């Protein structure tokens, strides 16, 4: 219903709705800049590789964008849900096979969410040849932060989750499906 209502309102009250969207977009951008800094917001993706070919096994751009969403907007649960696909892909990954062959024989949802999860204490710096050492350090920090907070295999003991990252609203029509007996 919400998309239909939004489309109706945009079609019948275009100026008012455009003003509201602009206001929300500005608030989101301002929160992002406050949390991450203007330079990071404008350039974080430059030189960060993704799963653009059948030779790429890590979706670093997506992983760093999850970091940005958590830091800027507190979207931890969303990030965990997205990162779960990486965890599932990693669980089925055979490092003895080349990436292309892993993808070809995969029963994973590679086309929907390509990439495998990163692993603790593994050095990924060689996969970022096109970015400065300073930016590389920040990208690697973002990747490790995301793994630690989102991976179902990471040790979360001692991890303090800020209150503002907790779910504020449960938008589901009902919180549990009726039990089937």
C-alpha atoms as a PDB file:
ATOM      1  CA  UNK A   1       0.000   0.000   0.000  1.00  0.00           C
ATOM      2  CA  UNK A   2       2.743   2.480   0.878  1.00  0.00           C
ATOM      3  CA  UNK A   3       4.322   2.624  -2.603  1.00  0.00           C
ATOM      4  CA  UNK A   4       0.890   3.126  -4.179  1.00  0.00           C
ATOM      5  CA  UNK A   5       0.045   5.887  -1.711  1.00  0.00           C
ATOM      6  CA  UNK A   6       3.421   7.556  -2.300  1.00  0.00           C
ATOM      7  CA  UNK A   7       2.907   7.425  -6.073  1.00  0.00           C
ATOM      8  CA  UNK A   8      -0.606   8.863  -5.728  1.00  0.00           C
ATOM      9  CA  UNK A   9       0.581  11.693  -3.483  1.00  0.00           C
ATOM     10  CA  UNK A  10       3.498  12.449  -5.806  1.00  0.00           C
ATOM     11  CA  UNK A  11       1.113  12.585  -8.756  1.00  0.00           C
ATOM     12  CA  UNK A  12      -1.490  14.755  -7.040  1.00  0.00           C
ATOM     13  CA  UNK A  13       0.702  16.921  -4.783  1.00  0.00           C
ATOM     14  CA  UNK A  14       4.018  16.902  -6.651  1.00  0.00           C
ATOM     15  CA  UNK A  15       5.484  20.121  -5.258  1.00  0.00           C
ATOM     16  CA  UNK A  16       4.689  19.254  -1.635  1.00  0.00           C
ATOM     17  CA  UNK A  17       5.992  15.686  -1.944  1.00  0.00           C
ATOM     18  CA  UNK A  18       9.158  16.794  -3.758  1.00  0.00           C
ATOM     19  CA  UNK A  19       9.830  19.255  -0.930  1.00  0.00           C
ATOM     20  CA  UNK A  20       9.392  16.473   1.650  1.00  0.00           C
ATOM     21  CA  UNK A  21      11.692  14.097  -0.241  1.00  0.00           C
ATOM     22  CA  UNK A  22      14.298  16.840  -0.588  1.00  0.00           C
ATOM     23  CA  UNK A  23      14.129  17.549   3.153  1.00  0.00           C
ATOM     24  CA  UNK A  24      14.549  13.868   4.034  1.00  0.00           C
ATOM     25  CA  UNK A  25      17.395  13.417   1.539  1.00  0.00           C
ATOM     26  CA  UNK A  26      19.203  16.427   3.026  1.00  0.00           C
ATOM     27  CA  UNK A  27      18.813  15.094   6.564  1.00  0.00           C
ATOM     28  CA  UNK A  28      20.172  11.689   5.492  1.00  0.00           C
ATOM     29  CA  UNK A  29      23.121  13.303   3.708  1.00  0.00           C
ATOM     30  CA  UNK A  30      23.851  15.576   6.681  1.00  0.00           C
ATOM     31  CA  UNK A  31      23.831  12.577   9.052  1.00  0.00           C
ATOM     32  CA  UNK A  32      26.177  10.722   6.712  1.00  0.00           C
ATOM     33  CA  UNK A  33      28.608  13.659   6.530  1.00  0.00           C
ATOM     34  CA  UNK A  34      28.485  14.136  10.300  1.00  0.00           C
ATOM     35  CA  UNK A  35      29.268  10.457  10.946  1.00  0.00           C
ATOM     36  CA  UNK A  36      31.771   9.798   8.150  1.00  0.00           C
ATOM     37  CA  UNK A  37      33.133  13.137   6.942  1.00  0.00           C
ATOM     38  CA  UNK A  38      32.529  14.969   3.668  1.00  0.00           C
ATOM     39  CA  UNK A  39      35.609  13.579   1.900  1.00  0.00           C
ATOM     40  CA  UNK A  40      34.708   9.950   2.733  1.00  0.00           C
ATOM     41  CA  UNK A  41      31.079  10.427   1.675  1.00  0.00           C
ATOM     42  CA  UNK A  42      32.171  11.851  -1.683  1.00  0.00           C
ATOM     43  CA  UNK A  43      34.985   9.404  -2.514  1.00  0.00           C
ATOM     44  CA  UNK A  44      34.813   6.175  -0.472  1.00  0.00           C
ATOM     45  CA  UNK A  45      33.984   3.972  -3.485  1.00  0.00           C
ATOM     46  CA  UNK A  46      36.804   5.170  -5.730  1.00  0.00           C
ATOM     47  CA  UNK A  47      39.207   2.283  -6.340  1.00  0.00           C
ATOM     48  CA  UNK A  48      37.192  -0.156  -4.194  1.00  0.00           C
ATOM     49  CA  UNK A  49      36.652  -3.366  -6.219  1.00  0.00           C
ATOM     50  CA  UNK A  50      33.348  -5.190  -6.504  1.00  0.00           C
ATOM     51  CA  UNK A  51      32.219  -8.495  -7.978  1.00  0.00           C
ATOM     52  CA  UNK A  52      32.150  -7.050 -11.459  1.00  0.00           C
ATOM     53  CA  UNK A  53      33.631 -10.094 -13.200  1.00  0.00           C
ATOM     54  CA  UNK A  54      33.695 -13.852 -12.718  1.00  0.00           C
ATOM     55  CA  UNK A  55      37.212 -13.459 -11.308  1.00  0.00           C
ATOM     56  CA  UNK A  56      36.102 -11.364  -8.294  1.00  0.00           C
ATOM     57  CA  UNK A  57      35.118 -13.130  -5.090  1.00  0.00           C
ATOM     58  CA  UNK A  58      34.634 -10.176  -2.716  1.00  0.00           C
ATOM     59  CA  UNK A  59      31.982  -7.484  -2.975  1.00  0.00           C
ATOM     60  CA  UNK A  60      34.042  -4.875  -1.128  1.00  0.00           C
ATOM     61  CA  UNK A  61      31.937  -1.947  -2.333  1.00  0.00           C
ATOM     62  CA  UNK A  62      28.810  -3.477  -0.810  1.00  0.00           C
ATOM     63  CA  UNK A  63      30.634  -4.325   2.426  1.00  0.00           C
ATOM     64  CA  UNK A  64      31.938  -0.761   2.812  1.00  0.00           C
ATOM     65  CA  UNK A  65      28.499   0.657   1.970  1.00  0.00           C
ATOM     66  CA  UNK A  66      27.071  -1.455   4.817  1.00  0.00           C
ATOM     67  CA  UNK A  67      29.652   0.124   7.123  1.00  0.00           C
ATOM     68  CA  UNK A  68      28.511   3.560   5.951  1.00  0.00           C
ATOM     69  CA  UNK A  69      24.845   2.716   6.594  1.00  0.00           C
ATOM     70  CA  UNK A  70      25.580   1.467  10.088  1.00  0.00           C
ATOM     71  CA  UNK A  71      27.740   4.445  11.030  1.00  0.00           C
ATOM     72  CA  UNK A  72      25.546   7.128   9.436  1.00  0.00           C
ATOM     73  CA  UNK A  73      22.045   5.817   9.998  1.00  0.00           C
ATOM     74  CA  UNK A  74      22.363   2.980  12.505  1.00  0.00           C
ATOM     75  CA  UNK A  75      21.086   0.360  10.042  1.00  0.00           C
ATOM     76  CA  UNK A  76      22.730  -2.580  11.818  1.00  0.00           C
ATOM     77  CA  UNK A  77      19.898  -5.084  11.364  1.00  0.00           C
ATOM     78  CA  UNK A  78      19.668  -4.276   7.650  1.00  0.00           C
ATOM     79  CA  UNK A  79      23.432  -4.689   7.305  1.00  0.00           C
ATOM     80  CA  UNK A  80      23.334  -8.049   9.108  1.00  0.00           C
ATOM     81  CA  UNK A  81      20.604  -9.273   6.774  1.00  0.00           C
ATOM     82  CA  UNK A  82      22.621  -8.255   3.705  1.00  0.00           C
ATOM     83  CA  UNK A  83      25.900  -9.640   5.064  1.00  0.00           C
ATOM     84  CA  UNK A  84      24.256 -13.002   5.724  1.00  0.00           C
ATOM     85  CA  UNK A  85      24.374 -13.720   1.978  1.00  0.00           C
ATOM     86  CA  UNK A  86      28.168 -13.258   2.075  1.00  0.00           C
ATOM     87  CA  UNK A  87      28.409 -15.644   5.047  1.00  0.00           C
ATOM     88  CA  UNK A  88      26.287 -18.222   3.225  1.00  0.00           C
ATOM     89  CA  UNK A  89      28.375 -17.891   0.054  1.00  0.00           C
ATOM     90  CA  UNK A  90      31.597 -18.297   2.059  1.00  0.00           C
ATOM     91  CA  UNK A  91      30.263 -21.446   3.746  1.00  0.00           C
ATOM     92  CA  UNK A  92      29.893 -23.058   0.301  1.00  0.00           C
ATOM     93  CA  UNK A  93      33.151 -21.680  -1.136  1.00  0.00           C
ATOM     94  CA  UNK A  94      35.959 -24.046  -2.102  1.00  0.00           C
ATOM     95  CA  UNK A  95      39.269 -22.158  -1.997  1.00  0.00           C
ATOM     96  CA  UNK A  96      40.903 -24.999  -3.950  1.00  0.00           C
ATOM     97  CA  UNK A  97      38.806 -24.017  -6.982  1.00  0.00           C
ATOM     98  CA  UNK A  98      39.235 -20.824  -8.997  1.00  0.00           C
ATOM     99  CA  UNK A  99      36.609 -18.122  -8.454  1.00  0.00           C
ATOM    100  CA  UNK A 100      35.031 -18.666 -11.876  1.00  0.00           C
ATOM    101  CA  UNK A 101      34.547 -22.363 -11.169  1.00  0.00           C
ATOM    102  CA  UNK A 102      33.144 -21.688  -7.675  1.00  0.00           C
ATOM    103  CA  UNK A 103      30.554 -19.409  -9.223  1.00  0.00           C
ATOM    104  CA  UNK A 104      29.718 -21.889 -11.985  1.00  0.00           C
ATOM    105  CA  UNK A 105      29.108 -24.820  -9.635  1.00  0.00           C
ATOM    106  CA  UNK A 106      27.594 -22.759  -6.857  1.00  0.00           C
ATOM    107  CA  UNK A 107      24.223 -23.472  -5.385  1.00  0.00           C
ATOM    108  CA  UNK A 108      24.459 -20.030  -3.831  1.00  0.00           C
ATOM    109  CA  UNK A 109      22.582 -16.940  -4.972  1.00  0.00           C
ATOM    110  CA  UNK A 110      25.593 -15.358  -6.684  1.00  0.00           C
ATOM    111  CA  UNK A 111      23.539 -13.357  -9.167  1.00  0.00           C
ATOM    112  CA  UNK A 112      21.373 -11.893  -6.403  1.00  0.00           C
ATOM    113  CA  UNK A 113      24.152 -11.088  -3.923  1.00  0.00           C
ATOM    114  CA  UNK A 114      27.601 -11.872  -5.313  1.00  0.00           C
ATOM    115  CA  UNK A 115      30.585 -12.063  -3.019  1.00  0.00           C
ATOM    116  CA  UNK A 116      31.878 -14.005  -0.060  1.00  0.00           C
ATOM    117  CA  UNK A 117      32.353 -12.837   3.506  1.00  0.00           C
ATOM    118  CA  UNK A 118      35.743 -11.691   4.682  1.00  0.00           C
ATOM    119  CA  UNK A 119      37.617 -13.653   7.300  1.00  0.00           C
ATOM    120  CA  UNK A 120      39.178 -12.477  10.539  1.00  0.00           C
ATOM    121  CA  UNK A 121      42.927 -11.795  10.515  1.00  0.00           C
ATOM    122  CA  UNK A 122      43.207 -12.138   6.730  1.00  0.00           C
ATOM    123  CA  UNK A 123      45.097  -9.417   4.864  1.00  0.00           C
ATOM    124  CA  UNK A 124      43.124  -8.001   1.936  1.00  0.00           C
ATOM    125  CA  UNK A 125      45.337  -4.948   1.306  1.00  0.00           C
ATOM    126  CA  UNK A 126      46.812  -6.403  -1.910  1.00  0.00           C
ATOM    127  CA  UNK A 127      43.326  -6.317  -3.450  1.00  0.00           C
ATOM    128  CA  UNK A 128      43.307  -2.492  -3.328  1.00  0.00           C
ATOM    129  CA  UNK A 129      46.195  -1.488  -5.621  1.00  0.00           C
ATOM    130  CA  UNK A 130      44.500   1.662  -6.909  1.00  0.00           C
ATOM    131  CA  UNK A 131      43.923   3.598  -3.668  1.00  0.00           C
ATOM    132  CA  UNK A 132      46.210   5.563  -1.388  1.00  0.00           C
ATOM    133  CA  UNK A 133      47.610   3.932   1.740  1.00  0.00           C
ATOM    134  CA  UNK A 134      45.570   6.294   3.943  1.00  0.00           C
ATOM    135  CA  UNK A 135      42.303   5.454   2.205  1.00  0.00           C
ATOM    136  CA  UNK A 136      43.232   1.768   2.039  1.00  0.00           C
ATOM    137  CA  UNK A 137      43.611   1.725   5.835  1.00  0.00           C
ATOM    138  CA  UNK A 138      40.144   3.262   6.257  1.00  0.00           C
ATOM    139  CA  UNK A 139      38.584   0.840   3.742  1.00  0.00           C
ATOM    140  CA  UNK A 140      40.153  -2.151   5.509  1.00  0.00           C
ATOM    141  CA  UNK A 141      38.937  -0.785   8.863  1.00  0.00           C
ATOM    142  CA  UNK A 142      35.409  -0.475   7.421  1.00  0.00           C
ATOM    143  CA  UNK A 143      35.546  -4.050   6.079  1.00  0.00           C
ATOM    144  CA  UNK A 144      36.682  -5.431   9.444  1.00  0.00           C
ATOM    145  CA  UNK A 145      34.089  -3.358  11.329  1.00  0.00           C
ATOM    146  CA  UNK A 146      31.336  -4.718   9.083  1.00  0.00           C
ATOM    147  CA  UNK A 147      32.547  -8.308   9.451  1.00  0.00           C
ATOM    148  CA  UNK A 148      32.743  -8.002  13.222  1.00  0.00           C
ATOM    149  CA  UNK A 149      29.290  -6.435  13.564  1.00  0.00           C
ATOM    150  CA  UNK A 150      27.448  -8.358  10.847  1.00  0.00           C
ATOM    151  CA  UNK A 151      28.938 -11.805  10.300  1.00  0.00           C
ATOM    152  CA  UNK A 152      27.154 -14.648  12.030  1.00  0.00           C
ATOM    153  CA  UNK A 153      30.577 -16.255  12.576  1.00  0.00           C
ATOM    154  CA  UNK A 154      32.279 -13.285  14.272  1.00  0.00           C
ATOM    155  CA  UNK A 155      32.955 -13.111  18.001  1.00  0.00           C
ATOM    156  CA  UNK A 156      30.633 -10.415  19.295  1.00  0.00           C
ATOM    157  CA  UNK A 157      31.700 -10.682  22.926  1.00  0.00           C
ATOM    158  CA  UNK A 158      32.585  -7.264  24.241  1.00  0.00           C
ATOM    159  CA  UNK A 159      30.913  -5.582  21.271  1.00  0.00           C
ATOM    160  CA  UNK A 160      28.850  -2.636  22.490  1.00  0.00           C
ATOM    161  CA  UNK A 161      25.937  -1.731  20.259  1.00  0.00           C
ATOM    162  CA  UNK A 162      24.783   1.884  20.648  1.00  0.00           C
ATOM    163  CA  UNK A 163      21.134   2.308  21.564  1.00  0.00           C
ATOM    164  CA  UNK A 164      20.508   4.349  18.428  1.00  0.00           C
ATOM    165  CA  UNK A 165      21.458   1.335  16.292  1.00  0.00           C
ATOM    166  CA  UNK A 166      18.732  -0.827  17.810  1.00  0.00           C
ATOM    167  CA  UNK A 167      15.474  -1.292  15.935  1.00  0.00           C
ATOM    168  CA  UNK A 168      13.250   1.696  16.705  1.00  0.00           C
ATOM    169  CA  UNK A 169      10.098   0.613  14.900  1.00  0.00           C
ATOM    170  CA  UNK A 170       8.746  -2.757  13.929  1.00  0.00           C
ATOM    171  CA  UNK A 171       6.963  -2.044  10.661  1.00  0.00           C
ATOM    172  CA  UNK A 172       5.616  -5.562  10.164  1.00  0.00           C
ATOM    173  CA  UNK A 173       1.807  -5.842  10.163  1.00  0.00           C
ATOM    174  CA  UNK A 174       2.159  -8.480  12.867  1.00  0.00           C
ATOM    175  CA  UNK A 175       5.257  -9.660  14.665  1.00  0.00           C
ATOM    176  CA  UNK A 176       4.668 -13.400  14.459  1.00  0.00           C
ATOM    177  CA  UNK A 177       2.863 -15.609  12.040  1.00  0.00           C
ATOM    178  CA  UNK A 178       0.138 -17.724  13.595  1.00  0.00           C
ATOM    179  CA  UNK A 179       1.512 -21.039  14.732  1.00  0.00           C
ATOM    180  CA  UNK A 180       0.657 -23.940  12.452  1.00  0.00           C
ATOM    181  CA  UNK A 181      -0.436 -27.090  14.238  1.00  0.00           C
END
